[in-house]
């Protein structure tokens, strides 16, 4: 049987700068059928704005994540 596993990629700081560019490049190179991209952002509104700039792809999900906060990291892990 063929594998139906979906690859999950988490990009932190993905609402701007290098993180945003990484998500943009992943969207160009990865199939939406087998790749889920988690757009990690401290500010959900900025993340939503970034998602709109990307064209609201169906395989990108927002994940509130502040890498400087242990509590935020634990919450993100639980959500994932």
PDB file of N, CA and C in Angstrom:
ATOM      1  N   UNK A   1       0.833  -1.193   0.000  1.00  0.00           N
ATOM      2  CA  UNK A   1       0.000   0.000   0.000  1.00  0.00           C
ATOM      3  C   UNK A   1       0.876   1.254   0.000  1.00  0.00           C
ATOM      4  N   UNK A   2       0.493   2.259  -0.776  1.00  0.00           N
ATOM      5  CA  UNK A   2       1.264   3.504  -0.755  1.00  0.00           C
ATOM      6  C   UNK A   2       1.086   4.234   0.564  1.00  0.00           C
ATOM      7  N   UNK A   3       2.102   4.978   0.943  1.00  0.00           N
ATOM      8  CA  UNK A   3       2.061   5.731   2.195  1.00  0.00           C
ATOM      9  C   UNK A   3       1.144   6.942   2.048  1.00  0.00           C
ATOM     10  N   UNK A   4       0.333   7.193   3.057  1.00  0.00           N
ATOM     11  CA  UNK A   4      -0.547   8.362   3.034  1.00  0.00           C
ATOM     12  C   UNK A   4      -0.153   9.344   4.128  1.00  0.00           C
ATOM     13  N   UNK A   5       1.072   9.250   4.570  1.00  0.00           N
ATOM     14  CA  UNK A   5       1.547  10.135   5.627  1.00  0.00           C
ATOM     15  C   UNK A   5       1.703  11.554   5.102  1.00  0.00           C
ATOM     16  N   UNK A   6       1.297  12.511   5.923  1.00  0.00           N
ATOM     17  CA  UNK A   6       1.430  13.907   5.562  1.00  0.00           C
ATOM     18  C   UNK A   6       2.639  14.499   6.282  1.00  0.00           C
ATOM     19  N   UNK A   7       3.451  15.204   5.556  1.00  0.00           N
ATOM     20  CA  UNK A   7       4.607  15.883   6.132  1.00  0.00           C
ATOM     21  C   UNK A   7       4.107  17.177   6.772  1.00  0.00           C
ATOM     22  N   UNK A   8       4.598  17.465   7.983  1.00  0.00           N
ATOM     23  CA  UNK A   8       4.238  18.691   8.690  1.00  0.00           C
ATOM     24  C   UNK A   8       5.518  19.497   8.883  1.00  0.00           C
ATOM     25  N   UNK A   9       5.477  20.755   8.447  1.00  0.00           N
ATOM     26  CA  UNK A   9       6.638  21.634   8.559  1.00  0.00           C
ATOM     27  C   UNK A   9       6.242  22.847   9.388  1.00  0.00           C
ATOM     28  N   UNK A  10       6.983  23.088  10.466  1.00  0.00           N
ATOM     29  CA  UNK A  10       6.747  24.253  11.316  1.00  0.00           C
ATOM     30  C   UNK A  10       7.797  25.307  10.991  1.00  0.00           C
ATOM     31  N   UNK A  11       7.337  26.511  10.637  1.00  0.00           N
ATOM     32  CA  UNK A  11       8.239  27.629  10.373  1.00  0.00           C
ATOM     33  C   UNK A  11       7.959  28.691  11.427  1.00  0.00           C
ATOM     34  N   UNK A  12       8.967  29.016  12.226  1.00  0.00           N
ATOM     35  CA  UNK A  12       8.789  30.033  13.263  1.00  0.00           C
ATOM     36  C   UNK A  12       9.103  31.412  12.678  1.00  0.00           C
ATOM     37  N   UNK A  13       8.497  32.435  13.279  1.00  0.00           N
ATOM     38  CA  UNK A  13       8.700  33.797  12.786  1.00  0.00           C
ATOM     39  C   UNK A  13       8.237  33.941  11.349  1.00  0.00           C
ATOM     40  N   UNK A  14       7.161  33.255  11.005  1.00  0.00           N
ATOM     41  CA  UNK A  14       6.753  33.114   9.610  1.00  0.00           C
ATOM     42  C   UNK A  14       5.852  34.232   9.095  1.00  0.00           C
ATOM     43  N   UNK A  15       5.562  35.224   9.921  1.00  0.00           N
ATOM     44  CA  UNK A  15       4.694  36.289   9.448  1.00  0.00           C
ATOM     45  C   UNK A  15       5.456  37.409   8.741  1.00  0.00           C
ATOM     46  N   UNK A  16       6.804  37.353   8.776  1.00  0.00           N
ATOM     47  CA  UNK A  16       7.588  38.385   8.092  1.00  0.00           C
ATOM     48  C   UNK A  16       9.010  37.886   7.861  1.00  0.00           C
ATOM     49  N   UNK A  17       9.753  38.640   7.086  1.00  0.00           N
ATOM     50  CA  UNK A  17      11.174  38.374   6.893  1.00  0.00           C
ATOM     51  C   UNK A  17      11.492  37.009   6.343  1.00  0.00           C
ATOM     52  N   UNK A  18      12.553  36.414   6.875  1.00  0.00           N
ATOM     53  CA  UNK A  18      13.047  35.127   6.384  1.00  0.00           C
ATOM     54  C   UNK A  18      11.997  34.029   6.559  1.00  0.00           C
ATOM     55  N   UNK A  19      11.323  34.018   7.705  1.00  0.00           N
ATOM     56  CA  UNK A  19      10.301  32.995   7.935  1.00  0.00           C
ATOM     57  C   UNK A  19       9.196  33.040   6.896  1.00  0.00           C
ATOM     58  N   UNK A  20       8.734  34.249   6.555  1.00  0.00           N
ATOM     59  CA  UNK A  20       7.691  34.415   5.537  1.00  0.00           C
ATOM     60  C   UNK A  20       8.195  33.900   4.191  1.00  0.00           C
ATOM     61  N   UNK A  21       9.433  34.254   3.848  1.00  0.00           N
ATOM     62  CA  UNK A  21      10.025  33.808   2.589  1.00  0.00           C
ATOM     63  C   UNK A  21      10.137  32.280   2.546  1.00  0.00           C
ATOM     64  N   UNK A  22      10.502  31.667   3.668  1.00  0.00           N
ATOM     65  CA  UNK A  22      10.607  30.207   3.722  1.00  0.00           C
ATOM     66  C   UNK A  22       9.245  29.566   3.437  1.00  0.00           C
ATOM     67  N   UNK A  23       8.192  30.086   4.056  1.00  0.00           N
ATOM     68  CA  UNK A  23       6.849  29.548   3.805  1.00  0.00           C
ATOM     69  C   UNK A  23       6.490  29.712   2.328  1.00  0.00           C
ATOM     70  N   UNK A  24       6.776  30.882   1.774  1.00  0.00           N
ATOM     71  CA  UNK A  24       6.478  31.155   0.368  1.00  0.00           C
ATOM     72  C   UNK A  24       7.186  30.146  -0.542  1.00  0.00           C
ATOM     73  N   UNK A  25       8.452  29.881  -0.268  1.00  0.00           N
ATOM     74  CA  UNK A  25       9.209  28.917  -1.075  1.00  0.00           C
ATOM     75  C   UNK A  25       8.683  27.492  -0.898  1.00  0.00           C
ATOM     76  N   UNK A  26       8.308  27.132   0.329  1.00  0.00           N
ATOM     77  CA  UNK A  26       7.749  25.802   0.565  1.00  0.00           C
ATOM     78  C   UNK A  26       6.460  25.606  -0.229  1.00  0.00           C
ATOM     79  N   UNK A  27       5.648  26.656  -0.297  1.00  0.00           N
ATOM     80  CA  UNK A  27       4.401  26.561  -1.058  1.00  0.00           C
ATOM     81  C   UNK A  27       4.670  26.323  -2.539  1.00  0.00           C
ATOM     82  N   UNK A  28       5.763  26.883  -3.043  1.00  0.00           N
ATOM     83  CA  UNK A  28       6.126  26.690  -4.448  1.00  0.00           C
ATOM     84  C   UNK A  28       6.641  25.277  -4.712  1.00  0.00           C
ATOM     85  N   UNK A  29       7.255  24.669  -3.717  1.00  0.00           N
ATOM     86  CA  UNK A  29       7.955  23.400  -3.925  1.00  0.00           C
ATOM     87  C   UNK A  29       7.238  22.164  -3.387  1.00  0.00           C
ATOM     88  N   UNK A  30       6.281  22.341  -2.491  1.00  0.00           N
ATOM     89  CA  UNK A  30       5.644  21.188  -1.845  1.00  0.00           C
ATOM     90  C   UNK A  30       4.203  21.041  -2.308  1.00  0.00           C
ATOM     91  N   UNK A  31       3.790  19.817  -2.434  1.00  0.00           N
ATOM     92  CA  UNK A  31       2.411  19.527  -2.819  1.00  0.00           C
ATOM     93  C   UNK A  31       1.473  19.799  -1.635  1.00  0.00           C
ATOM     94  N   UNK A  32       0.384  20.534  -1.863  1.00  0.00           N
ATOM     95  CA  UNK A  32      -0.565  20.783  -0.777  1.00  0.00           C
ATOM     96  C   UNK A  32      -1.272  19.509  -0.308  1.00  0.00           C
ATOM     97  N   UNK A  33      -1.213  18.470  -1.124  1.00  0.00           N
ATOM     98  CA  UNK A  33      -1.865  17.211  -0.763  1.00  0.00           C
ATOM     99  C   UNK A  33      -1.098  16.433   0.303  1.00  0.00           C
ATOM    100  N   UNK A  34       0.219  16.616   0.357  1.00  0.00           N
ATOM    101  CA  UNK A  34       0.995  15.813   1.308  1.00  0.00           C
ATOM    102  C   UNK A  34       1.836  16.637   2.274  1.00  0.00           C
ATOM    103  N   UNK A  35       1.680  17.970   2.255  1.00  0.00           N
ATOM    104  CA  UNK A  35       2.472  18.815   3.141  1.00  0.00           C
ATOM    105  C   UNK A  35       1.593  19.833   3.848  1.00  0.00           C
ATOM    106  N   UNK A  36       1.663  19.835   5.169  1.00  0.00           N
ATOM    107  CA  UNK A  36       0.975  20.840   5.983  1.00  0.00           C
ATOM    108  C   UNK A  36       2.048  21.767   6.542  1.00  0.00           C
ATOM    109  N   UNK A  37       1.861  23.073   6.339  1.00  0.00           N
ATOM    110  CA  UNK A  37       2.826  24.059   6.822  1.00  0.00           C
ATOM    111  C   UNK A  37       2.195  24.811   7.988  1.00  0.00           C
ATOM    112  N   UNK A  38       2.886  24.811   9.122  1.00  0.00           N
ATOM    113  CA  UNK A  38       2.428  25.559  10.290  1.00  0.00           C
ATOM    114  C   UNK A  38       3.156  26.894  10.305  1.00  0.00           C
ATOM    115  N   UNK A  39       2.391  27.974  10.169  1.00  0.00           N
ATOM    116  CA  UNK A  39       2.944  29.318  10.138  1.00  0.00           C
ATOM    117  C   UNK A  39       3.009  29.820  11.572  1.00  0.00           C
ATOM    118  N   UNK A  40       4.178  29.699  12.177  1.00  0.00           N
ATOM    119  CA  UNK A  40       4.373  30.087  13.573  1.00  0.00           C
ATOM    120  C   UNK A  40       4.544  31.589  13.700  1.00  0.00           C
ATOM    121  N   UNK A  41       3.736  32.196  14.582  1.00  0.00           N
ATOM    122  CA  UNK A  41       3.763  33.640  14.761  1.00  0.00           C
ATOM    123  C   UNK A  41       3.397  34.002  16.194  1.00  0.00           C
ATOM    124  N   UNK A  42       4.043  35.026  16.727  1.00  0.00           N
ATOM    125  CA  UNK A  42       3.683  35.494  18.076  1.00  0.00           C
ATOM    126  C   UNK A  42       2.343  36.212  18.054  1.00  0.00           C
ATOM    127  N   UNK A  43       2.108  36.982  16.997  1.00  0.00           N
ATOM    128  CA  UNK A  43       0.917  37.828  16.881  1.00  0.00           C
ATOM    129  C   UNK A  43      -0.026  37.227  15.842  1.00  0.00           C
ATOM    130  N   UNK A  44      -1.182  36.738  16.297  1.00  0.00           N
ATOM    131  CA  UNK A  44      -2.102  36.067  15.373  1.00  0.00           C
ATOM    132  C   UNK A  44      -2.607  36.984  14.273  1.00  0.00           C
ATOM    133  N   UNK A  45      -2.819  38.268  14.569  1.00  0.00           N
ATOM    134  CA  UNK A  45      -3.287  39.192  13.527  1.00  0.00           C
ATOM    135  C   UNK A  45      -2.249  39.335  12.421  1.00  0.00           C
ATOM    136  N   UNK A  46      -0.991  39.454  12.809  1.00  0.00           N
ATOM    137  CA  UNK A  46       0.077  39.536  11.797  1.00  0.00           C
ATOM    138  C   UNK A  46       0.180  38.221  11.023  1.00  0.00           C
ATOM    139  N   UNK A  47      -0.053  37.122  11.714  1.00  0.00           N
ATOM    140  CA  UNK A  47      -0.060  35.830  11.038  1.00  0.00           C
ATOM    141  C   UNK A  47      -1.186  35.728  10.029  1.00  0.00           C
ATOM    142  N   UNK A  48      -2.366  36.236  10.401  1.00  0.00           N
ATOM    143  CA  UNK A  48      -3.500  36.225   9.471  1.00  0.00           C
ATOM    144  C   UNK A  48      -3.214  37.106   8.264  1.00  0.00           C
ATOM    145  N   UNK A  49      -2.567  38.245   8.489  1.00  0.00           N
ATOM    146  CA  UNK A  49      -2.187  39.126   7.379  1.00  0.00           C
ATOM    147  C   UNK A  49      -1.213  38.419   6.444  1.00  0.00           C
ATOM    148  N   UNK A  50      -0.242  37.710   7.012  1.00  0.00           N
ATOM    149  CA  UNK A  50       0.727  36.968   6.202  1.00  0.00           C
ATOM    150  C   UNK A  50       0.028  35.871   5.408  1.00  0.00           C
ATOM    151  N   UNK A  51      -0.906  35.189   6.043  1.00  0.00           N
ATOM    152  CA  UNK A  51      -1.655  34.133   5.382  1.00  0.00           C
ATOM    153  C   UNK A  51      -2.413  34.688   4.175  1.00  0.00           C
ATOM    154  N   UNK A  52      -3.013  35.865   4.331  1.00  0.00           N
ATOM    155  CA  UNK A  52      -3.723  36.507   3.212  1.00  0.00           C
ATOM    156  C   UNK A  52      -2.753  36.870   2.103  1.00  0.00           C
ATOM    157  N   UNK A  53      -1.559  37.367   2.465  1.00  0.00           N
ATOM    158  CA  UNK A  53      -0.555  37.713   1.455  1.00  0.00           C
ATOM    159  C   UNK A  53      -0.117  36.488   0.655  1.00  0.00           C
ATOM    160  N   UNK A  54      -0.169  35.340   1.285  1.00  0.00           N
ATOM    161  CA  UNK A  54       0.199  34.092   0.620  1.00  0.00           C
ATOM    162  C   UNK A  54      -0.937  33.526  -0.221  1.00  0.00           C
ATOM    163  N   UNK A  55      -2.102  34.151  -0.165  1.00  0.00           N
ATOM    164  CA  UNK A  55      -3.248  33.672  -0.927  1.00  0.00           C
ATOM    165  C   UNK A  55      -4.121  32.688  -0.177  1.00  0.00           C
ATOM    166  N   UNK A  56      -3.988  32.643   1.130  1.00  0.00           N
ATOM    167  CA  UNK A  56      -4.777  31.747   2.001  1.00  0.00           C
ATOM    168  C   UNK A  56      -4.768  30.295   1.531  1.00  0.00           C
ATOM    169  N   UNK A  57      -3.585  29.713   1.348  1.00  0.00           N
ATOM    170  CA  UNK A  57      -3.516  28.313   0.896  1.00  0.00           C
ATOM    171  C   UNK A  57      -4.139  27.367   1.928  1.00  0.00           C
ATOM    172  N   UNK A  58      -4.755  26.318   1.427  1.00  0.00           N
ATOM    173  CA  UNK A  58      -5.471  25.383   2.299  1.00  0.00           C
ATOM    174  C   UNK A  58      -4.550  24.533   3.150  1.00  0.00           C
ATOM    175  N   UNK A  59      -3.288  24.441   2.783  1.00  0.00           N
ATOM    176  CA  UNK A  59      -2.360  23.591   3.537  1.00  0.00           C
ATOM    177  C   UNK A  59      -1.479  24.390   4.498  1.00  0.00           C
ATOM    178  N   UNK A  60      -1.862  25.631   4.797  1.00  0.00           N
ATOM    179  CA  UNK A  60      -1.120  26.436   5.768  1.00  0.00           C
ATOM    180  C   UNK A  60      -2.050  26.756   6.926  1.00  0.00           C
ATOM    181  N   UNK A  61      -1.581  26.501   8.145  1.00  0.00           N
ATOM    182  CA  UNK A  61      -2.346  26.778   9.362  1.00  0.00           C
ATOM    183  C   UNK A  61      -1.541  27.699  10.263  1.00  0.00           C
ATOM    184  N   UNK A  62      -2.233  28.587  10.932  1.00  0.00           N
ATOM    185  CA  UNK A  62      -1.583  29.478  11.892  1.00  0.00           C
ATOM    186  C   UNK A  62      -1.331  28.750  13.199  1.00  0.00           C
ATOM    187  N   UNK A  63      -0.213  29.054  13.813  1.00  0.00           N
ATOM    188  CA  UNK A  63       0.120  28.506  15.116  1.00  0.00           C
ATOM    189  C   UNK A  63       0.725  29.630  15.945  1.00  0.00           C
ATOM    190  N   UNK A  64       0.033  30.016  17.002  1.00  0.00           N
ATOM    191  CA  UNK A  64       0.575  31.063  17.862  1.00  0.00           C
ATOM    192  C   UNK A  64       1.741  30.472  18.635  1.00  0.00           C
ATOM    193  N   UNK A  65       2.909  31.118  18.490  1.00  0.00           N
ATOM    194  CA  UNK A  65       4.120  30.573  19.077  1.00  0.00           C
ATOM    195  C   UNK A  65       5.138  31.678  19.312  1.00  0.00           C
ATOM    196  N   UNK A  66       5.539  31.829  20.561  1.00  0.00           N
ATOM    197  CA  UNK A  66       6.603  32.763  20.939  1.00  0.00           C
ATOM    198  C   UNK A  66       7.750  31.906  21.462  1.00  0.00           C
ATOM    199  N   UNK A  67       8.806  31.817  20.672  1.00  0.00           N
ATOM    200  CA  UNK A  67       9.925  30.942  21.020  1.00  0.00           C
ATOM    201  C   UNK A  67      10.679  31.389  22.268  1.00  0.00           C
ATOM    202  N   UNK A  68      10.418  32.607  22.752  1.00  0.00           N
ATOM    203  CA  UNK A  68      11.081  33.069  23.973  1.00  0.00           C
ATOM    204  C   UNK A  68      10.259  32.756  25.223  1.00  0.00           C
ATOM    205  N   UNK A  69       9.105  32.106  25.030  1.00  0.00           N
ATOM    206  CA  UNK A  69       8.215  31.793  26.143  1.00  0.00           C
ATOM    207  C   UNK A  69       8.018  30.281  26.267  1.00  0.00           C
ATOM    208  N   UNK A  70       8.480  29.721  27.378  1.00  0.00           N
ATOM    209  CA  UNK A  70       8.308  28.284  27.612  1.00  0.00           C
ATOM    210  C   UNK A  70       6.831  27.910  27.609  1.00  0.00           C
ATOM    211  N   UNK A  71       6.001  28.744  28.212  1.00  0.00           N
ATOM    212  CA  UNK A  71       4.558  28.475  28.244  1.00  0.00           C
ATOM    213  C   UNK A  71       3.976  28.431  26.830  1.00  0.00           C
ATOM    214  N   UNK A  72       4.374  29.382  25.981  1.00  0.00           N
ATOM    215  CA  UNK A  72       3.896  29.407  24.603  1.00  0.00           C
ATOM    216  C   UNK A  72       4.340  28.168  23.836  1.00  0.00           C
ATOM    217  N   UNK A  73       5.566  27.736  24.066  1.00  0.00           N
ATOM    218  CA  UNK A  73       6.080  26.533  23.412  1.00  0.00           C
ATOM    219  C   UNK A  73       5.271  25.313  23.821  1.00  0.00           C
ATOM    220  N   UNK A  74       4.985  25.188  25.117  1.00  0.00           N
ATOM    221  CA  UNK A  74       4.191  24.058  25.602  1.00  0.00           C
ATOM    222  C   UNK A  74       2.778  24.079  25.017  1.00  0.00           C
ATOM    223  N   UNK A  75       2.187  25.258  24.930  1.00  0.00           N
ATOM    224  CA  UNK A  75       0.845  25.375  24.347  1.00  0.00           C
ATOM    225  C   UNK A  75       0.862  24.954  22.879  1.00  0.00           C
ATOM    226  N   UNK A  76       1.907  25.381  22.147  1.00  0.00           N
ATOM    227  CA  UNK A  76       2.016  25.014  20.738  1.00  0.00           C
ATOM    228  C   UNK A  76       2.197  23.510  20.571  1.00  0.00           C
ATOM    229  N   UNK A  77       3.017  22.910  21.423  1.00  0.00           N
ATOM    230  CA  UNK A  77       3.220  21.464  21.366  1.00  0.00           C
ATOM    231  C   UNK A  77       1.900  20.732  21.601  1.00  0.00           C
ATOM    232  N   UNK A  78       1.144  21.185  22.576  1.00  0.00           N
ATOM    233  CA  UNK A  78      -0.166  20.564  22.852  1.00  0.00           C
ATOM    234  C   UNK A  78      -1.115  20.720  21.673  1.00  0.00           C
ATOM    235  N   UNK A  79      -1.081  21.875  21.019  1.00  0.00           N
ATOM    236  CA  UNK A  79      -1.953  22.097  19.876  1.00  0.00           C
ATOM    237  C   UNK A  79      -1.566  21.221  18.696  1.00  0.00           C
ATOM    238  N   UNK A  80      -0.261  21.074  18.501  1.00  0.00           N
ATOM    239  CA  UNK A  80       0.206  20.230  17.398  1.00  0.00           C
ATOM    240  C   UNK A  80      -0.170  18.772  17.664  1.00  0.00           C
TER     241      UNK A  80
END
